[in-house]
Amino acid sequence: MQQRVDSSSGARGYMRIIRRKLTRLLLLRFRKPTDGTARIEGEVKRVAILAQEKIGDAILLTPLLKNLHRSDPDRQIDVIVFGRNAAFFRRISFLTNVLEFRKAPLRTLR
């Protein structure tokens, strides 16, 4: 008696198995620390943060900026801004640079 081959068998079944095993291997190799902290070797003296263009996101970003400054007052903190939030970030005294990019940068070259 011949066994029926199910649609999940064959090449698709093997690909699914390979994908799962590869995923497990990658997770084991590149797993993030479980305590929630990032491991960075050496000193971080300059940080660049890409800010979203909505004002609510800018407001929610300010505690992170304050904590970065508080953890090392000598650290340079740059903020890259798209849209109208540049004025908001320029009022924060401890930021080193506020880099403003417009949505259509080629238009400004005309």
PDB file of N, CA and C in Angstrom:
ATOM      1  N   MET A   1       0.829  -1.168   0.000  1.00  0.00           N
ATOM      2  CA  MET A   1       0.000   0.000   0.000  1.00  0.00           C
ATOM      3  C   MET A   1       0.882   1.243   0.000  1.00  0.00           C
ATOM      4  N   GLN A   2       0.515   2.181  -0.814  1.00  0.00           N
ATOM      5  CA  GLN A   2       1.308   3.379  -0.980  1.00  0.00           C
ATOM      6  C   GLN A   2       0.796   4.465  -0.036  1.00  0.00           C
ATOM      7  N   GLN A   3       1.774   5.202   0.596  1.00  0.00           N
ATOM      8  CA  GLN A   3       1.386   6.285   1.503  1.00  0.00           C
ATOM      9  C   GLN A   3       1.045   7.533   0.698  1.00  0.00           C
ATOM     10  N   ARG A   4       0.099   8.245   1.193  1.00  0.00           N
ATOM     11  CA  ARG A   4      -0.268   9.503   0.552  1.00  0.00           C
ATOM     12  C   ARG A   4       0.731  10.576   0.923  1.00  0.00           C
ATOM     13  N   VAL A   5       1.105  11.378  -0.049  1.00  0.00           N
ATOM     14  CA  VAL A   5       2.020  12.490   0.211  1.00  0.00           C
ATOM     15  C   VAL A   5       1.170  13.727   0.427  1.00  0.00           C
ATOM     16  N   ASP A   6       1.344  14.262   1.533  1.00  0.00           N
ATOM     17  CA  ASP A   6       0.600  15.431   1.949  1.00  0.00           C
ATOM     18  C   ASP A   6       1.225  16.669   1.314  1.00  0.00           C
ATOM     19  N   SER A   7       0.459  17.732   1.158  1.00  0.00           N
ATOM     20  CA  SER A   7       0.970  18.922   0.467  1.00  0.00           C
ATOM     21  C   SER A   7       2.085  19.609   1.244  1.00  0.00           C
ATOM     22  N   SER A   8       2.164  19.356   2.552  1.00  0.00           N
ATOM     23  CA  SER A   8       3.239  19.972   3.330  1.00  0.00           C
ATOM     24  C   SER A   8       4.541  19.184   3.200  1.00  0.00           C
ATOM     25  N   SER A   9       4.486  18.007   2.600  1.00  0.00           N
ATOM     26  CA  SER A   9       5.693  17.203   2.411  1.00  0.00           C
ATOM     27  C   SER A   9       6.413  17.670   1.159  1.00  0.00           C
ATOM     28  N   GLY A  10       7.456  16.991   0.836  1.00  0.00           N
ATOM     29  CA  GLY A  10       8.188  17.324  -0.373  1.00  0.00           C
ATOM     30  C   GLY A  10       9.072  18.530  -0.178  1.00  0.00           C
ATOM     31  N   ALA A  11       9.278  19.255  -1.256  1.00  0.00           N
ATOM     32  CA  ALA A  11      10.190  20.401  -1.238  1.00  0.00           C
ATOM     33  C   ALA A  11       9.733  21.476  -0.255  1.00  0.00           C
ATOM     34  N   ARG A  12       8.422  21.724  -0.192  1.00  0.00           N
ATOM     35  CA  ARG A  12       7.926  22.743   0.739  1.00  0.00           C
ATOM     36  C   ARG A  12       8.177  22.340   2.178  1.00  0.00           C
ATOM     37  N   GLY A  13       7.970  21.081   2.481  1.00  0.00           N
ATOM     38  CA  GLY A  13       8.208  20.589   3.835  1.00  0.00           C
ATOM     39  C   GLY A  13       9.668  20.699   4.229  1.00  0.00           C
ATOM     40  N   TYR A  14      10.563  20.346   3.310  1.00  0.00           N
ATOM     41  CA  TYR A  14      11.988  20.459   3.591  1.00  0.00           C
ATOM     42  C   TYR A  14      12.402  21.921   3.771  1.00  0.00           C
ATOM     43  N   MET A  15      11.856  22.794   2.958  1.00  0.00           N
ATOM     44  CA  MET A  15      12.187  24.211   3.081  1.00  0.00           C
ATOM     45  C   MET A  15      11.715  24.767   4.426  1.00  0.00           C
ATOM     46  N   ARG A  16      10.547  24.318   4.871  1.00  0.00           N
ATOM     47  CA  ARG A  16      10.042  24.768   6.162  1.00  0.00           C
ATOM     48  C   ARG A  16      10.964  24.294   7.284  1.00  0.00           C
ATOM     49  N   ILE A  17      11.411  23.061   7.214  1.00  0.00           N
ATOM     50  CA  ILE A  17      12.325  22.521   8.233  1.00  0.00           C
ATOM     51  C   ILE A  17      13.639  23.284   8.217  1.00  0.00           C
ATOM     52  N   ILE A  18      14.178  23.519   7.044  1.00  0.00           N
ATOM     53  CA  ILE A  18      15.445  24.256   6.928  1.00  0.00           C
ATOM     54  C   ILE A  18      15.286  25.674   7.477  1.00  0.00           C
ATOM     55  N   ARG A  19      14.168  26.331   7.147  1.00  0.00           N
ATOM     56  CA  ARG A  19      13.920  27.690   7.630  1.00  0.00           C
ATOM     57  C   ARG A  19      13.856  27.727   9.150  1.00  0.00           C
ATOM     58  N   ARG A  20      13.163  26.745   9.750  1.00  0.00           N
ATOM     59  CA  ARG A  20      13.068  26.694  11.217  1.00  0.00           C
ATOM     60  C   ARG A  20      14.423  26.472  11.860  1.00  0.00           C
ATOM     61  N   LYS A  21      15.191  25.540  11.307  1.00  0.00           N
ATOM     62  CA  LYS A  21      16.504  25.258  11.894  1.00  0.00           C
ATOM     63  C   LYS A  21      17.445  26.443  11.746  1.00  0.00           C
ATOM     64  N   LEU A  22      17.386  27.104  10.605  1.00  0.00           N
ATOM     65  CA  LEU A  22      18.225  28.274  10.388  1.00  0.00           C
ATOM     66  C   LEU A  22      17.826  29.401  11.341  1.00  0.00           C
ATOM     67  N   THR A  23      16.545  29.575  11.559  1.00  0.00           N
ATOM     68  CA  THR A  23      16.071  30.590  12.493  1.00  0.00           C
ATOM     69  C   THR A  23      16.574  30.303  13.895  1.00  0.00           C
ATOM     70  N   ARG A  24      16.492  29.045  14.322  1.00  0.00           N
ATOM     71  CA  ARG A  24      16.986  28.671  15.657  1.00  0.00           C
ATOM     72  C   ARG A  24      18.481  28.920  15.795  1.00  0.00           C
ATOM     73  N   LEU A  25      19.240  28.579  14.754  1.00  0.00           N
ATOM     74  CA  LEU A  25      20.681  28.818  14.797  1.00  0.00           C
ATOM     75  C   LEU A  25      21.006  30.303  14.880  1.00  0.00           C
ATOM     76  N   LEU A  26      20.311  31.107  14.104  1.00  0.00           N
ATOM     77  CA  LEU A  26      20.548  32.545  14.134  1.00  0.00           C
ATOM     78  C   LEU A  26      20.157  33.147  15.476  1.00  0.00           C
ATOM     79  N   LEU A  27      19.060  32.677  16.055  1.00  0.00           N
ATOM     80  CA  LEU A  27      18.652  33.176  17.369  1.00  0.00           C
ATOM     81  C   LEU A  27      19.674  32.820  18.437  1.00  0.00           C
ATOM     82  N   LEU A  28      20.211  31.612  18.368  1.00  0.00           N
ATOM     83  CA  LEU A  28      21.230  31.223  19.335  1.00  0.00           C
ATOM     84  C   LEU A  28      22.497  32.059  19.179  1.00  0.00           C
ATOM     85  N   ARG A  29      22.844  32.362  17.954  1.00  0.00           N
ATOM     86  CA  ARG A  29      24.089  33.098  17.682  1.00  0.00           C
ATOM     87  C   ARG A  29      23.961  34.586  18.001  1.00  0.00           C
ATOM     88  N   PHE A  30      22.839  35.185  17.650  1.00  0.00           N
ATOM     89  CA  PHE A  30      22.694  36.628  17.774  1.00  0.00           C
ATOM     90  C   PHE A  30      21.640  37.052  18.790  1.00  0.00           C
ATOM     91  N   ARG A  31      21.408  36.249  19.771  1.00  0.00           N
ATOM     92  CA  ARG A  31      20.394  36.550  20.782  1.00  0.00           C
ATOM     93  C   ARG A  31      20.792  37.786  21.581  1.00  0.00           C
ATOM     94  N   LYS A  32      19.810  38.647  21.827  1.00  0.00           N
ATOM     95  CA  LYS A  32      20.045  39.842  22.622  1.00  0.00           C
ATOM     96  C   LYS A  32      20.149  39.459  24.092  1.00  0.00           C
ATOM     97  N   PRO A  33      20.822  40.266  24.884  1.00  0.00           N
ATOM     98  CA  PRO A  33      20.898  39.982  26.315  1.00  0.00           C
ATOM     99  C   PRO A  33      19.505  39.974  26.931  1.00  0.00           C
ATOM    100  N   THR A  34      19.285  39.081  27.876  1.00  0.00           N
ATOM    101  CA  THR A  34      17.955  38.942  28.468  1.00  0.00           C
ATOM    102  C   THR A  34      17.692  39.952  29.571  1.00  0.00           C
ATOM    103  N   ASP A  35      18.730  40.641  30.042  1.00  0.00           N
ATOM    104  CA  ASP A  35      18.504  41.607  31.118  1.00  0.00           C
ATOM    105  C   ASP A  35      18.097  42.984  30.600  1.00  0.00           C
ATOM    106  N   GLY A  36      17.950  43.136  29.294  1.00  0.00           N
ATOM    107  CA  GLY A  36      17.470  44.381  28.720  1.00  0.00           C
ATOM    108  C   GLY A  36      18.528  45.436  28.491  1.00  0.00           C
ATOM    109  N   THR A  37      19.780  45.110  28.745  1.00  0.00           N
ATOM    110  CA  THR A  37      20.848  46.083  28.546  1.00  0.00           C
ATOM    111  C   THR A  37      21.654  45.733  27.315  1.00  0.00           C
ATOM    112  N   ALA A  38      22.138  46.723  26.649  1.00  0.00           N
ATOM    113  CA  ALA A  38      22.986  46.509  25.474  1.00  0.00           C
ATOM    114  C   ALA A  38      24.439  46.450  25.929  1.00  0.00           C
ATOM    115  N   ARG A  39      25.205  45.646  25.281  1.00  0.00           N
ATOM    116  CA  ARG A  39      26.626  45.525  25.601  1.00  0.00           C
ATOM    117  C   ARG A  39      27.421  46.339  24.584  1.00  0.00           C
ATOM    118  N   ILE A  40      27.993  47.430  25.041  1.00  0.00           N
ATOM    119  CA  ILE A  40      28.807  48.276  24.176  1.00  0.00           C
ATOM    120  C   ILE A  40      30.181  48.360  24.803  1.00  0.00           C
ATOM    121  N   GLU A  41      31.178  48.039  24.028  1.00  0.00           N
ATOM    122  CA  GLU A  41      32.542  48.104  24.536  1.00  0.00           C
ATOM    123  C   GLU A  41      33.134  49.459  24.211  1.00  0.00           C
ATOM    124  N   GLY A  42      33.863  50.018  25.152  1.00  0.00           N
ATOM    125  CA  GLY A  42      34.462  51.326  24.945  1.00  0.00           C
ATOM    126  C   GLY A  42      33.503  52.437  25.331  1.00  0.00           C
ATOM    127  N   GLU A  43      34.011  53.658  25.218  1.00  0.00           N
ATOM    128  CA  GLU A  43      33.201  54.811  25.572  1.00  0.00           C
ATOM    129  C   GLU A  43      32.410  55.310  24.374  1.00  0.00           C
ATOM    130  N   VAL A  44      31.195  55.713  24.626  1.00  0.00           N
ATOM    131  CA  VAL A  44      30.368  56.318  23.582  1.00  0.00           C
ATOM    132  C   VAL A  44      30.369  57.817  23.860  1.00  0.00           C
ATOM    133  N   LYS A  45      31.084  58.555  23.040  1.00  0.00           N
ATOM    134  CA  LYS A  45      31.220  59.990  23.255  1.00  0.00           C
ATOM    135  C   LYS A  45      30.318  60.813  22.353  1.00  0.00           C
ATOM    136  N   ARG A  46      29.721  60.189  21.356  1.00  0.00           N
ATOM    137  CA  ARG A  46      28.833  60.917  20.453  1.00  0.00           C
ATOM    138  C   ARG A  46      27.676  60.020  20.048  1.00  0.00           C
ATOM    139  N   VAL A  47      26.464  60.579  20.089  1.00  0.00           N
ATOM    140  CA  VAL A  47      25.266  59.831  19.755  1.00  0.00           C
ATOM    141  C   VAL A  47      24.455  60.665  18.761  1.00  0.00           C
ATOM    142  N   ALA A  48      23.945  60.012  17.727  1.00  0.00           N
ATOM    143  CA  ALA A  48      23.035  60.658  16.781  1.00  0.00           C
ATOM    144  C   ALA A  48      21.696  59.936  16.853  1.00  0.00           C
ATOM    145  N   ILE A  49      20.638  60.713  16.999  1.00  0.00           N
ATOM    146  CA  ILE A  49      19.302  60.145  17.121  1.00  0.00           C
ATOM    147  C   ILE A  49      18.447  60.686  15.988  1.00  0.00           C
ATOM    148  N   LEU A  50      17.764  59.787  15.323  1.00  0.00           N
ATOM    149  CA  LEU A  50      16.857  60.153  14.238  1.00  0.00           C
ATOM    150  C   LEU A  50      15.467  60.352  14.833  1.00  0.00           C
ATOM    151  N   ALA A  51      14.972  61.586  14.766  1.00  0.00           N
ATOM    152  CA  ALA A  51      13.679  61.916  15.357  1.00  0.00           C
ATOM    153  C   ALA A  51      12.581  61.811  14.308  1.00  0.00           C
ATOM    154  N   GLN A  52      11.433  61.372  14.741  1.00  0.00           N
ATOM    155  CA  GLN A  52      10.275  61.311  13.855  1.00  0.00           C
ATOM    156  C   GLN A  52       9.751  62.719  13.604  1.00  0.00           C
ATOM    157  N   GLU A  53       8.927  62.864  12.589  1.00  0.00           N
ATOM    158  CA  GLU A  53       8.476  64.212  12.240  1.00  0.00           C
ATOM    159  C   GLU A  53       7.255  64.690  13.007  1.00  0.00           C
ATOM    160  N   LYS A  54       6.604  63.856  13.747  1.00  0.00           N
ATOM    161  CA  LYS A  54       5.416  64.270  14.498  1.00  0.00           C
ATOM    162  C   LYS A  54       5.828  64.856  15.844  1.00  0.00           C
ATOM    163  N   ILE A  55       5.136  65.886  16.270  1.00  0.00           N
ATOM    164  CA  ILE A  55       5.497  66.595  17.494  1.00  0.00           C
ATOM    165  C   ILE A  55       5.315  65.716  18.736  1.00  0.00           C
ATOM    166  N   GLY A  56       4.330  64.840  18.726  1.00  0.00           N
ATOM    167  CA  GLY A  56       4.137  63.939  19.858  1.00  0.00           C
ATOM    168  C   GLY A  56       5.319  62.996  20.046  1.00  0.00           C
ATOM    169  N   ASP A  57       5.878  62.518  18.943  1.00  0.00           N
ATOM    170  CA  ASP A  57       7.060  61.663  19.018  1.00  0.00           C
ATOM    171  C   ASP A  57       8.263  62.449  19.536  1.00  0.00           C
ATOM    172  N   ALA A  58       8.353  63.716  19.156  1.00  0.00           N
ATOM    173  CA  ALA A  58       9.452  64.559  19.631  1.00  0.00           C
ATOM    174  C   ALA A  58       9.353  64.771  21.140  1.00  0.00           C
ATOM    175  N   ILE A  59       8.145  64.990  21.611  1.00  0.00           N
ATOM    176  CA  ILE A  59       7.945  65.183  23.049  1.00  0.00           C
ATOM    177  C   ILE A  59       8.294  63.911  23.821  1.00  0.00           C
ATOM    178  N   LEU A  60       7.905  62.764  23.276  1.00  0.00           N
ATOM    179  CA  LEU A  60       8.208  61.498  23.953  1.00  0.00           C
ATOM    180  C   LEU A  60       9.699  61.142  23.888  1.00  0.00           C
ATOM    181  N   LEU A  61      10.433  61.756  22.988  1.00  0.00           N
ATOM    182  CA  LEU A  61      11.865  61.493  22.865  1.00  0.00           C
ATOM    183  C   LEU A  61      12.677  62.270  23.899  1.00  0.00           C
ATOM    184  N   THR A  62      12.137  63.343  24.443  1.00  0.00           N
ATOM    185  CA  THR A  62      12.908  64.190  25.352  1.00  0.00           C
ATOM    186  C   THR A  62      13.387  63.483  26.629  1.00  0.00           C
ATOM    187  N   PRO A  63      12.624  62.573  27.257  1.00  0.00           N
ATOM    188  CA  PRO A  63      13.186  61.878  28.426  1.00  0.00           C
ATOM    189  C   PRO A  63      14.429  61.044  28.082  1.00  0.00           C
ATOM    190  N   LEU A  64      14.432  60.431  26.920  1.00  0.00           N
ATOM    191  CA  LEU A  64      15.616  59.673  26.506  1.00  0.00           C
ATOM    192  C   LEU A  64      16.811  60.603  26.354  1.00  0.00           C
ATOM    193  N   LEU A  65      16.592  61.743  25.733  1.00  0.00           N
ATOM    194  CA  LEU A  65      17.673  62.712  25.558  1.00  0.00           C
ATOM    195  C   LEU A  65      18.199  63.197  26.904  1.00  0.00           C
ATOM    196  N   LYS A  66      17.290  63.470  27.840  1.00  0.00           N
ATOM    197  CA  LYS A  66      17.706  63.919  29.175  1.00  0.00           C
ATOM    198  C   LYS A  66      18.512  62.852  29.891  1.00  0.00           C
ATOM    199  N   ASN A  67      18.070  61.587  29.786  1.00  0.00           N
ATOM    200  CA  ASN A  67      18.807  60.499  30.443  1.00  0.00           C
ATOM    201  C   ASN A  67      20.177  60.293  29.826  1.00  0.00           C
ATOM    202  N   LEU A  68      20.279  60.425  28.504  1.00  0.00           N
ATOM    203  CA  LEU A  68      21.587  60.322  27.859  1.00  0.00           C
ATOM    204  C   LEU A  68      22.520  61.421  28.350  1.00  0.00           C
ATOM    205  N   HIS A  69      22.004  62.618  28.453  1.00  0.00           N
ATOM    206  CA  HIS A  69      22.825  63.740  28.918  1.00  0.00           C
ATOM    207  C   HIS A  69      23.196  63.572  30.390  1.00  0.00           C
ATOM    208  N   ARG A  70      22.254  63.124  31.193  1.00  0.00           N
ATOM    209  CA  ARG A  70      22.507  62.938  32.620  1.00  0.00           C
ATOM    210  C   ARG A  70      23.545  61.843  32.870  1.00  0.00           C
ATOM    211  N   SER A  71      23.529  60.788  32.044  1.00  0.00           N
ATOM    212  CA  SER A  71      24.473  59.684  32.252  1.00  0.00           C
ATOM    213  C   SER A  71      25.902  60.082  31.924  1.00  0.00           C
ATOM    214  N   ASP A  72      26.099  61.017  31.003  1.00  0.00           N
ATOM    215  CA  ASP A  72      27.434  61.509  30.670  1.00  0.00           C
ATOM    216  C   ASP A  72      27.293  62.913  30.081  1.00  0.00           C
ATOM    217  N   PRO A  73      27.456  63.955  30.897  1.00  0.00           N
ATOM    218  CA  PRO A  73      27.273  65.323  30.414  1.00  0.00           C
ATOM    219  C   PRO A  73      28.248  65.733  29.305  1.00  0.00           C
ATOM    220  N   ASP A  74      29.368  65.040  29.181  1.00  0.00           N
ATOM    221  CA  ASP A  74      30.341  65.374  28.137  1.00  0.00           C
ATOM    222  C   ASP A  74      30.010  64.736  26.789  1.00  0.00           C
ATOM    223  N   ARG A  75      29.050  63.830  26.765  1.00  0.00           N
ATOM    224  CA  ARG A  75      28.664  63.156  25.524  1.00  0.00           C
ATOM    225  C   ARG A  75      27.991  64.153  24.576  1.00  0.00           C
ATOM    226  N   GLN A  76      28.373  64.096  23.309  1.00  0.00           N
ATOM    227  CA  GLN A  76      27.749  64.941  22.294  1.00  0.00           C
ATOM    228  C   GLN A  76      26.501  64.231  21.772  1.00  0.00           C
ATOM    229  N   ILE A  77      25.393  64.932  21.789  1.00  0.00           N
ATOM    230  CA  ILE A  77      24.128  64.361  21.328  1.00  0.00           C
ATOM    231  C   ILE A  77      23.638  65.182  20.140  1.00  0.00           C
ATOM    232  N   ASP A  78      23.515  64.525  18.997  1.00  0.00           N
ATOM    233  CA  ASP A  78      23.003  65.154  17.787  1.00  0.00           C
ATOM    234  C   ASP A  78      21.627  64.575  17.487  1.00  0.00           C
ATOM    235  N   VAL A  79      20.741  65.413  17.010  1.00  0.00           N
ATOM    236  CA  VAL A  79      19.402  64.970  16.633  1.00  0.00           C
ATOM    237  C   VAL A  79      19.195  65.289  15.163  1.00  0.00           C
ATOM    238  N   ILE A  80      18.774  64.291  14.415  1.00  0.00           N
ATOM    239  CA  ILE A  80      18.467  64.456  12.999  1.00  0.00           C
ATOM    240  C   ILE A  80      16.947  64.549  12.882  1.00  0.00           C
ATOM    241  N   VAL A  81      16.475  65.654  12.319  1.00  0.00           N
ATOM    242  CA  VAL A  81      15.056  65.963  12.320  1.00  0.00           C
ATOM    243  C   VAL A  81      14.546  66.090  10.891  1.00  0.00           C
ATOM    244  N   PHE A  82      13.383  65.518  10.645  1.00  0.00           N
ATOM    245  CA  PHE A  82      12.663  65.702   9.392  1.00  0.00           C
ATOM    246  C   PHE A  82      11.402  66.481   9.723  1.00  0.00           C
ATOM    247  N   GLY A  83      11.130  67.509   8.974  1.00  0.00           N
ATOM    248  CA  GLY A  83       9.897  68.252   9.205  1.00  0.00           C
ATOM    249  C   GLY A  83      10.100  69.468  10.072  1.00  0.00           C
ATOM    250  N   ARG A  84       9.044  69.807  10.813  1.00  0.00           N
ATOM    251  CA  ARG A  84       8.996  71.072  11.529  1.00  0.00           C
ATOM    252  C   ARG A  84       9.467  70.995  12.969  1.00  0.00           C
ATOM    253  N   ASN A  85      10.020  69.914  13.415  1.00  0.00           N
ATOM    254  CA  ASN A  85      10.403  69.775  14.818  1.00  0.00           C
ATOM    255  C   ASN A  85      11.760  70.368  15.154  1.00  0.00           C
ATOM    256  N   ALA A  86      12.451  70.924  14.205  1.00  0.00           N
ATOM    257  CA  ALA A  86      13.781  71.466  14.462  1.00  0.00           C
ATOM    258  C   ALA A  86      13.733  72.566  15.516  1.00  0.00           C
ATOM    259  N   ALA A  87      12.738  73.434  15.452  1.00  0.00           N
ATOM    260  CA  ALA A  87      12.618  74.528  16.431  1.00  0.00           C
ATOM    261  C   ALA A  87      12.429  73.972  17.843  1.00  0.00           C
ATOM    262  N   PHE A  88      11.671  72.896  17.961  1.00  0.00           N
ATOM    263  CA  PHE A  88      11.459  72.253  19.267  1.00  0.00           C
ATOM    264  C   PHE A  88      12.786  71.758  19.839  1.00  0.00           C
ATOM    265  N   PHE A  89      13.571  71.059  19.027  1.00  0.00           N
ATOM    266  CA  PHE A  89      14.827  70.487  19.511  1.00  0.00           C
ATOM    267  C   PHE A  89      15.903  71.549  19.724  1.00  0.00           C
ATOM    268  N   ARG A  90      15.850  72.643  18.982  1.00  0.00           N
ATOM    269  CA  ARG A  90      16.852  73.708  19.165  1.00  0.00           C
ATOM    270  C   ARG A  90      16.722  74.381  20.521  1.00  0.00           C
ATOM    271  N   ARG A  91      15.582  74.268  21.160  1.00  0.00           N
ATOM    272  CA  ARG A  91      15.380  74.855  22.494  1.00  0.00           C
ATOM    273  C   ARG A  91      15.971  73.997  23.613  1.00  0.00           C
ATOM    274  N   ILE A  92      16.388  72.798  23.301  1.00  0.00           N
ATOM    275  CA  ILE A  92      17.004  71.925  24.307  1.00  0.00           C
ATOM    276  C   ILE A  92      18.483  72.272  24.355  1.00  0.00           C
ATOM    277  N   SER A  93      18.928  72.834  25.460  1.00  0.00           N
ATOM    278  CA  SER A  93      20.258  73.449  25.551  1.00  0.00           C
ATOM    279  C   SER A  93      21.424  72.464  25.451  1.00  0.00           C
ATOM    280  N   PHE A  94      21.262  71.236  25.897  1.00  0.00           N
ATOM    281  CA  PHE A  94      22.398  70.321  25.937  1.00  0.00           C
ATOM    282  C   PHE A  94      22.636  69.567  24.631  1.00  0.00           C
ATOM    283  N   LEU A  95      21.793  69.758  23.621  1.00  0.00           N
ATOM    284  CA  LEU A  95      22.013  69.096  22.331  1.00  0.00           C
ATOM    285  C   LEU A  95      23.146  69.795  21.593  1.00  0.00           C
ATOM    286  N   THR A  96      24.047  69.010  21.036  1.00  0.00           N
ATOM    287  CA  THR A  96      25.191  69.567  20.318  1.00  0.00           C
ATOM    288  C   THR A  96      24.773  70.116  18.965  1.00  0.00           C
ATOM    289  N   ASN A  97      24.068  69.332  18.185  1.00  0.00           N
ATOM    290  CA  ASN A  97      23.618  69.734  16.851  1.00  0.00           C
ATOM    291  C   ASN A  97      22.192  69.276  16.621  1.00  0.00           C
ATOM    292  N   VAL A  98      21.440  70.098  15.913  1.00  0.00           N
ATOM    293  CA  VAL A  98      20.112  69.719  15.424  1.00  0.00           C
ATOM    294  C   VAL A  98      20.193  69.840  13.910  1.00  0.00           C
ATOM    295  N   LEU A  99      20.204  68.693  13.245  1.00  0.00           N
ATOM    296  CA  LEU A  99      20.337  68.662  11.793  1.00  0.00           C
ATOM    297  C   LEU A  99      18.959  68.518  11.176  1.00  0.00           C
ATOM    298  N   GLU A 100      18.562  69.513  10.409  1.00  0.00           N
ATOM    299  CA  GLU A 100      17.228  69.524   9.824  1.00  0.00           C
ATOM    300  C   GLU A 100      17.302  69.123   8.359  1.00  0.00           C
ATOM    301  N   PHE A 101      16.510  68.134   7.993  1.00  0.00           N
ATOM    302  CA  PHE A 101      16.399  67.699   6.604  1.00  0.00           C
ATOM    303  C   PHE A 101      14.970  67.906   6.154  1.00  0.00           C
ATOM    304  N   ARG A 102      14.851  68.404   4.970  1.00  0.00           N
ATOM    305  CA  ARG A 102      13.524  68.605   4.407  1.00  0.00           C
ATOM    306  C   ARG A 102      13.134  67.392   3.595  1.00  0.00           C
ATOM    307  N   LYS A 103      11.850  67.248   3.375  1.00  0.00           N
ATOM    308  CA  LYS A 103      11.364  66.068   2.642  1.00  0.00           C
ATOM    309  C   LYS A 103      11.859  66.038   1.209  1.00  0.00           C
ATOM    310  N   ALA A 104      11.984  67.193   0.600  1.00  0.00           N
ATOM    311  CA  ALA A 104      12.442  67.262  -0.798  1.00  0.00           C
ATOM    312  C   ALA A 104      13.730  68.086  -0.840  1.00  0.00           C
ATOM    313  N   PRO A 105      14.864  67.492  -0.485  1.00  0.00           N
ATOM    314  CA  PRO A 105      16.107  68.269  -0.403  1.00  0.00           C
ATOM    315  C   PRO A 105      16.563  68.822  -1.747  1.00  0.00           C
ATOM    316  N   LEU A 106      16.199  68.204  -2.863  1.00  0.00           N
ATOM    317  CA  LEU A 106      16.630  68.692  -4.169  1.00  0.00           C
ATOM    318  C   LEU A 106      15.957  70.009  -4.532  1.00  0.00           C
ATOM    319  N   ARG A 107      14.794  70.287  -3.988  1.00  0.00           N
ATOM    320  CA  ARG A 107      14.107  71.544  -4.269  1.00  0.00           C
ATOM    321  C   ARG A 107      14.867  72.726  -3.713  1.00  0.00           C
ATOM    322  N   THR A 108      15.587  72.529  -2.605  1.00  0.00           N
ATOM    323  CA  THR A 108      16.331  73.629  -1.998  1.00  0.00           C
ATOM    324  C   THR A 108      17.568  73.989  -2.815  1.00  0.00           C
ATOM    325  N   LEU A 109      17.999  73.117  -3.725  1.00  0.00           N
ATOM    326  CA  LEU A 109      19.183  73.392  -4.534  1.00  0.00           C
ATOM    327  C   LEU A 109      18.887  74.248  -5.753  1.00  0.00           C
ATOM    328  N   ARG A 110      17.639  74.458  -6.073  1.00  0.00           N
ATOM    329  CA  ARG A 110      17.281  75.242  -7.255  1.00  0.00           C
ATOM    330  C   ARG A 110      17.611  76.695  -7.095  1.00  0.00           C
TER     331      ARG A 110
END
